[in-house]
Structures are given as C-alpha cells and as structure tokens.
C-alpha cells in the first residue's frame, strides 16, 4: 500500500542530497543536546588536516589527509611511497597530524578505518586499538576501525579553532 503513495526516483541529485543532509542535521540536532550545543560553534564544521612529505627531488613521498570535528581527528588517507616505507615516515605523518589535532584543535581522540591488507598493525604499533571489525567489506576483506586517545604535548596550551 505504501508504494502507491510515493513516486521513487533513483537518479543522483545533489540539490536533494544537500536538502536531505540539512534536514537530517536538523532532526539530529533537535534529538541530541550534544549536537544542539555544537550548533553555531567552530566545532560544528569539519576542519581539514593535511600533512605532506616530499623527497629531496620534490616528489610526493607520502601524505596524510584527514579532518577534525568536535574533539576527534579522523584520518581519511595515509600513504607512503613504497621506496620510503619502513623508514618511519608514516609514523611521522600520523604523529604530526595527531599533534595538530590535540595541541591546536583540542582533539582528545583519533580514528581511522583500514583494511586487513593495508595497515592495521601499523596503527596498533602507533597506539590505536581496534573497536570494530567488519568482515567481507568488500567481500573477502575485513575493514577495521581503530581509535586512539590523544593528549596535548606537555606545556602546550590547547586552543580551539576559530
């Protein structure tokens, strides 16, 4: 009976996507005092974090792309060129992003998703713990979500982004 009441469409529609996002945000804000308190503050929006490493010739040796939101750093991408792996560059990129997040943006935690063939052991060695394992995402691969508490550097004053 419900299907006769509505016309369903399946095309990609950015304007409706944005409208849906706004309405969902409004619904979530109305239901959550925490999200309501964020409205209109600098923490309401995601703020990008990018860390790049270049080799002596200026070529991209590695990089990290992520963002901070509220008190969290979210690592979206971390990649190191094969020629530079094993030299600590990945740890340097990650620790730099964590320092920016904790010291400059007041973040208290970090999160990352990685597949079983990528870097779960790298993140564990860097203090992250698995909080979720999603088998067969995609089929035959397990995706892990890992988190880590962040602390500001000693003597560093936390400041909120503006």
C-alpha atoms as a PDB file:
ATOM      1  CA  UNK A   1       0.000   0.000   0.000  1.00  0.00           C
ATOM      2  CA  UNK A   2       2.806   2.453   0.829  1.00  0.00           C
ATOM      3  CA  UNK A   3       4.334   2.125  -2.651  1.00  0.00           C
ATOM      4  CA  UNK A   4       1.218   3.616  -4.263  1.00  0.00           C
ATOM      5  CA  UNK A   5       1.530   6.763  -2.173  1.00  0.00           C
ATOM      6  CA  UNK A   6       5.014   7.790  -3.307  1.00  0.00           C
ATOM      7  CA  UNK A   7       6.973   8.124  -6.518  1.00  0.00           C
ATOM      8  CA  UNK A   8      10.512   6.789  -6.116  1.00  0.00           C
ATOM      9  CA  UNK A   9      13.417   8.077  -8.207  1.00  0.00           C
ATOM     10  CA  UNK A  10      16.977   6.785  -8.326  1.00  0.00           C
ATOM     11  CA  UNK A  11      18.961   9.480 -10.122  1.00  0.00           C
ATOM     12  CA  UNK A  12      21.828  11.346  -8.476  1.00  0.00           C
ATOM     13  CA  UNK A  13      20.527  14.740  -7.376  1.00  0.00           C
ATOM     14  CA  UNK A  14      22.972  16.972  -5.493  1.00  0.00           C
ATOM     15  CA  UNK A  15      20.363  19.578  -4.583  1.00  0.00           C
ATOM     16  CA  UNK A  16      18.140  16.960  -2.928  1.00  0.00           C
ATOM     17  CA  UNK A  17      21.186  15.358  -1.302  1.00  0.00           C
ATOM     18  CA  UNK A  18      22.047  18.712   0.289  1.00  0.00           C
ATOM     19  CA  UNK A  19      18.433  19.231   1.372  1.00  0.00           C
ATOM     20  CA  UNK A  20      18.362  15.743   2.887  1.00  0.00           C
ATOM     21  CA  UNK A  21      21.647  16.421   4.716  1.00  0.00           C
ATOM     22  CA  UNK A  22      20.268  19.679   6.160  1.00  0.00           C
ATOM     23  CA  UNK A  23      17.027  18.032   7.263  1.00  0.00           C
ATOM     24  CA  UNK A  24      18.859  15.101   8.850  1.00  0.00           C
ATOM     25  CA  UNK A  25      21.173  17.533  10.632  1.00  0.00           C
ATOM     26  CA  UNK A  26      18.157  19.474  11.927  1.00  0.00           C
ATOM     27  CA  UNK A  27      16.482  16.263  13.098  1.00  0.00           C
ATOM     28  CA  UNK A  28      19.661  15.073  14.818  1.00  0.00           C
ATOM     29  CA  UNK A  29      20.223  18.468  16.421  1.00  0.00           C
ATOM     30  CA  UNK A  30      16.683  18.507  17.804  1.00  0.00           C
ATOM     31  CA  UNK A  31      17.132  14.999  19.254  1.00  0.00           C
ATOM     32  CA  UNK A  32      20.620  15.441  20.761  1.00  0.00           C
ATOM     33  CA  UNK A  33      21.582  18.050  23.348  1.00  0.00           C
ATOM     34  CA  UNK A  34      25.254  17.453  22.469  1.00  0.00           C
ATOM     35  CA  UNK A  35      24.728  18.201  18.765  1.00  0.00           C
ATOM     36  CA  UNK A  36      22.452  21.124  19.658  1.00  0.00           C
ATOM     37  CA  UNK A  37      25.240  22.639  21.783  1.00  0.00           C
ATOM     38  CA  UNK A  38      27.622  22.418  18.802  1.00  0.00           C
ATOM     39  CA  UNK A  39      25.361  24.476  16.519  1.00  0.00           C
ATOM     40  CA  UNK A  40      26.922  27.810  15.686  1.00  0.00           C
ATOM     41  CA  UNK A  41      30.295  26.942  17.237  1.00  0.00           C
ATOM     42  CA  UNK A  42      33.614  26.427  15.419  1.00  0.00           C
ATOM     43  CA  UNK A  43      33.418  22.716  16.286  1.00  0.00           C
ATOM     44  CA  UNK A  44      30.222  22.316  14.257  1.00  0.00           C
ATOM     45  CA  UNK A  45      32.151  22.008  10.994  1.00  0.00           C
ATOM     46  CA  UNK A  46      34.884  19.663   9.878  1.00  0.00           C
ATOM     47  CA  UNK A  47      38.277  21.317   9.518  1.00  0.00           C
ATOM     48  CA  UNK A  48      40.830  19.735   7.156  1.00  0.00           C
ATOM     49  CA  UNK A  49      44.190  18.388   8.278  1.00  0.00           C
ATOM     50  CA  UNK A  50      46.757  17.709   5.543  1.00  0.00           C
ATOM     51  CA  UNK A  51      50.365  16.664   6.137  1.00  0.00           C
ATOM     52  CA  UNK A  52      52.680  16.188   3.132  1.00  0.00           C
ATOM     53  CA  UNK A  53      56.189  14.768   2.808  1.00  0.00           C
ATOM     54  CA  UNK A  54      58.372  15.450  -0.231  1.00  0.00           C
ATOM     55  CA  UNK A  55      61.624  13.700  -1.100  1.00  0.00           C
ATOM     56  CA  UNK A  56      64.783  15.721  -1.852  1.00  0.00           C
ATOM     57  CA  UNK A  57      63.749  15.993  -5.528  1.00  0.00           C
ATOM     58  CA  UNK A  58      60.387  17.474  -4.516  1.00  0.00           C
ATOM     59  CA  UNK A  59      58.320  14.398  -5.411  1.00  0.00           C
ATOM     60  CA  UNK A  60      55.499  13.270  -3.118  1.00  0.00           C
ATOM     61  CA  UNK A  61      56.953  10.721  -0.689  1.00  0.00           C
ATOM     62  CA  UNK A  62      53.827  10.413   1.457  1.00  0.00           C
ATOM     63  CA  UNK A  63      50.881  12.220   2.891  1.00  0.00           C
ATOM     64  CA  UNK A  64      48.004  12.221   5.298  1.00  0.00           C
ATOM     65  CA  UNK A  65      44.563  13.685   4.616  1.00  0.00           C
ATOM     66  CA  UNK A  66      42.008  13.919   7.365  1.00  0.00           C
ATOM     67  CA  UNK A  67      39.850  16.324   9.294  1.00  0.00           C
ATOM     68  CA  UNK A  68      38.962  17.303  12.824  1.00  0.00           C
ATOM     69  CA  UNK A  69      35.416  17.518  14.082  1.00  0.00           C
ATOM     70  CA  UNK A  70      34.409  18.281  17.635  1.00  0.00           C
ATOM     71  CA  UNK A  71      37.131  16.581  19.693  1.00  0.00           C
ATOM     72  CA  UNK A  72      38.121  13.975  17.091  1.00  0.00           C
ATOM     73  CA  UNK A  73      40.784  13.627  14.420  1.00  0.00           C
ATOM     74  CA  UNK A  74      39.607  11.432  11.541  1.00  0.00           C
ATOM     75  CA  UNK A  75      42.422  10.072   9.394  1.00  0.00           C
ATOM     76  CA  UNK A  76      40.920   9.572   5.933  1.00  0.00           C
ATOM     77  CA  UNK A  77      44.020   8.700   3.892  1.00  0.00           C
ATOM     78  CA  UNK A  78      47.598   7.924   4.852  1.00  0.00           C
ATOM     79  CA  UNK A  79      50.011   6.792   2.150  1.00  0.00           C
ATOM     80  CA  UNK A  80      53.780   6.413   1.898  1.00  0.00           C
ATOM     81  CA  UNK A  81      55.581   5.727  -1.380  1.00  0.00           C
ATOM     82  CA  UNK A  82      56.933   2.177  -1.434  1.00  0.00           C
ATOM     83  CA  UNK A  83      60.546   3.449  -1.687  1.00  0.00           C
ATOM     84  CA  UNK A  84      60.186   5.227   1.661  1.00  0.00           C
ATOM     85  CA  UNK A  85      58.291   2.592   3.646  1.00  0.00           C
ATOM     86  CA  UNK A  86      59.944   1.227   6.763  1.00  0.00           C
ATOM     87  CA  UNK A  87      61.838   4.453   7.457  1.00  0.00           C
ATOM     88  CA  UNK A  88      59.307   5.908   9.928  1.00  0.00           C
ATOM     89  CA  UNK A  89      57.691   8.355   7.512  1.00  0.00           C
ATOM     90  CA  UNK A  90      54.176   7.004   8.113  1.00  0.00           C
ATOM     91  CA  UNK A  91      54.624   7.396  11.862  1.00  0.00           C
ATOM     92  CA  UNK A  92      55.950  10.935  11.347  1.00  0.00           C
ATOM     93  CA  UNK A  93      52.940  11.890   9.203  1.00  0.00           C
ATOM     94  CA  UNK A  94      50.495  10.371  11.709  1.00  0.00           C
ATOM     95  CA  UNK A  95      52.129  11.877  14.794  1.00  0.00           C
ATOM     96  CA  UNK A  96      52.244  15.310  13.123  1.00  0.00           C
ATOM     97  CA  UNK A  97      48.504  15.170  12.375  1.00  0.00           C
ATOM     98  CA  UNK A  98      47.792  13.954  15.922  1.00  0.00           C
ATOM     99  CA  UNK A  99      49.862  16.820  17.382  1.00  0.00           C
ATOM    100  CA  UNK A 100      47.996  19.387  15.262  1.00  0.00           C
ATOM    101  CA  UNK A 101      44.668  17.883  16.323  1.00  0.00           C
ATOM    102  CA  UNK A 102      45.498  17.691  20.033  1.00  0.00           C
ATOM    103  CA  UNK A 103      47.567  20.848  20.511  1.00  0.00           C
ATOM    104  CA  UNK A 104      45.912  23.289  18.116  1.00  0.00           C
ATOM    105  CA  UNK A 105      42.348  21.997  17.908  1.00  0.00           C
ATOM    106  CA  UNK A 106      41.673  20.447  21.285  1.00  0.00           C
ATOM    107  CA  UNK A 107      41.061  16.928  19.974  1.00  0.00           C
ATOM    108  CA  UNK A 108      41.044  14.146  22.541  1.00  0.00           C
ATOM    109  CA  UNK A 109      40.717  11.149  20.214  1.00  0.00           C
ATOM    110  CA  UNK A 110      41.640   9.907  16.753  1.00  0.00           C
ATOM    111  CA  UNK A 111      40.003   7.365  14.473  1.00  0.00           C
ATOM    112  CA  UNK A 112      40.888   5.619  11.244  1.00  0.00           C
ATOM    113  CA  UNK A 113      39.482   2.897   9.026  1.00  0.00           C
ATOM    114  CA  UNK A 114      41.836   0.456   7.294  1.00  0.00           C
ATOM    115  CA  UNK A 115      41.553  -2.870   5.510  1.00  0.00           C
ATOM    116  CA  UNK A 116      43.226  -6.058   6.728  1.00  0.00           C
ATOM    117  CA  UNK A 117      45.813  -5.972   3.907  1.00  0.00           C
ATOM    118  CA  UNK A 118      46.651  -2.306   4.479  1.00  0.00           C
ATOM    119  CA  UNK A 119      47.856  -1.118   7.846  1.00  0.00           C
ATOM    120  CA  UNK A 120      46.034  -2.359  10.966  1.00  0.00           C
ATOM    121  CA  UNK A 121      49.351  -3.423  12.537  1.00  0.00           C
ATOM    122  CA  UNK A 122      50.907  -0.026  11.741  1.00  0.00           C
ATOM    123  CA  UNK A 123      48.097   1.731  13.610  1.00  0.00           C
ATOM    124  CA  UNK A 124      48.318  -0.714  16.540  1.00  0.00           C
ATOM    125  CA  UNK A 125      52.058  -0.007  16.823  1.00  0.00           C
ATOM    126  CA  UNK A 126      51.154   3.682  16.971  1.00  0.00           C
ATOM    127  CA  UNK A 127      48.780   3.261  19.912  1.00  0.00           C
ATOM    128  CA  UNK A 128      45.471   2.590  18.161  1.00  0.00           C
ATOM    129  CA  UNK A 129      43.040  -0.103  19.267  1.00  0.00           C
ATOM    130  CA  UNK A 130      40.535  -1.963  17.107  1.00  0.00           C
ATOM    131  CA  UNK A 131      36.978  -1.005  18.086  1.00  0.00           C
ATOM    132  CA  UNK A 132      35.216  -2.574  15.114  1.00  0.00           C
ATOM    133  CA  UNK A 133      35.938  -5.272  12.555  1.00  0.00           C
ATOM    134  CA  UNK A 134      33.622  -5.505   9.575  1.00  0.00           C
ATOM    135  CA  UNK A 135      34.185  -8.775   7.683  1.00  0.00           C
ATOM    136  CA  UNK A 136      33.513  -9.016   3.953  1.00  0.00           C
ATOM    137  CA  UNK A 137      33.621  -5.259   3.364  1.00  0.00           C
ATOM    138  CA  UNK A 138      34.220  -5.705   0.462  1.00  0.00           C
ATOM    139  CA  UNK A 139      33.829  -9.485   0.093  1.00  0.00           C
ATOM    140  CA  UNK A 140      36.933 -11.324   1.253  1.00  0.00           C
ATOM    141  CA  UNK A 141      38.359  -8.281   3.069  1.00  0.00           C
ATOM    142  CA  UNK A 142      37.900  -7.101   6.650  1.00  0.00           C
ATOM    143  CA  UNK A 143      37.683  -3.388   7.394  1.00  0.00           C
ATOM    144  CA  UNK A 144      38.872  -2.247  10.816  1.00  0.00           C
ATOM    145  CA  UNK A 145      38.009   0.905  12.702  1.00  0.00           C
ATOM    146  CA  UNK A 146      40.697   1.865  15.181  1.00  0.00           C
ATOM    147  CA  UNK A 147      40.785   4.655  17.760  1.00  0.00           C
ATOM    148  CA  UNK A 148      43.400   6.269  19.967  1.00  0.00           C
ATOM    149  CA  UNK A 149      43.194   8.764  22.831  1.00  0.00           C
ATOM    150  CA  UNK A 150      45.184  11.953  22.170  1.00  0.00           C
ATOM    151  CA  UNK A 151      46.988  14.089  24.718  1.00  0.00           C
ATOM    152  CA  UNK A 152      48.363  17.581  24.140  1.00  0.00           C
ATOM    153  CA  UNK A 153      52.133  17.990  24.264  1.00  0.00           C
ATOM    154  CA  UNK A 154      53.466  18.903  27.709  1.00  0.00           C
ATOM    155  CA  UNK A 155      53.341  22.630  28.206  1.00  0.00           C
ATOM    156  CA  UNK A 156      51.151  23.123  25.137  1.00  0.00           C
ATOM    157  CA  UNK A 157      48.060  25.187  25.627  1.00  0.00           C
ATOM    158  CA  UNK A 158      45.019  23.849  23.818  1.00  0.00           C
ATOM    159  CA  UNK A 159      43.272  26.331  21.601  1.00  0.00           C
ATOM    160  CA  UNK A 160      40.032  25.885  19.765  1.00  0.00           C
ATOM    161  CA  UNK A 161      39.967  26.575  16.049  1.00  0.00           C
ATOM    162  CA  UNK A 162      38.145  29.682  15.055  1.00  0.00           C
END
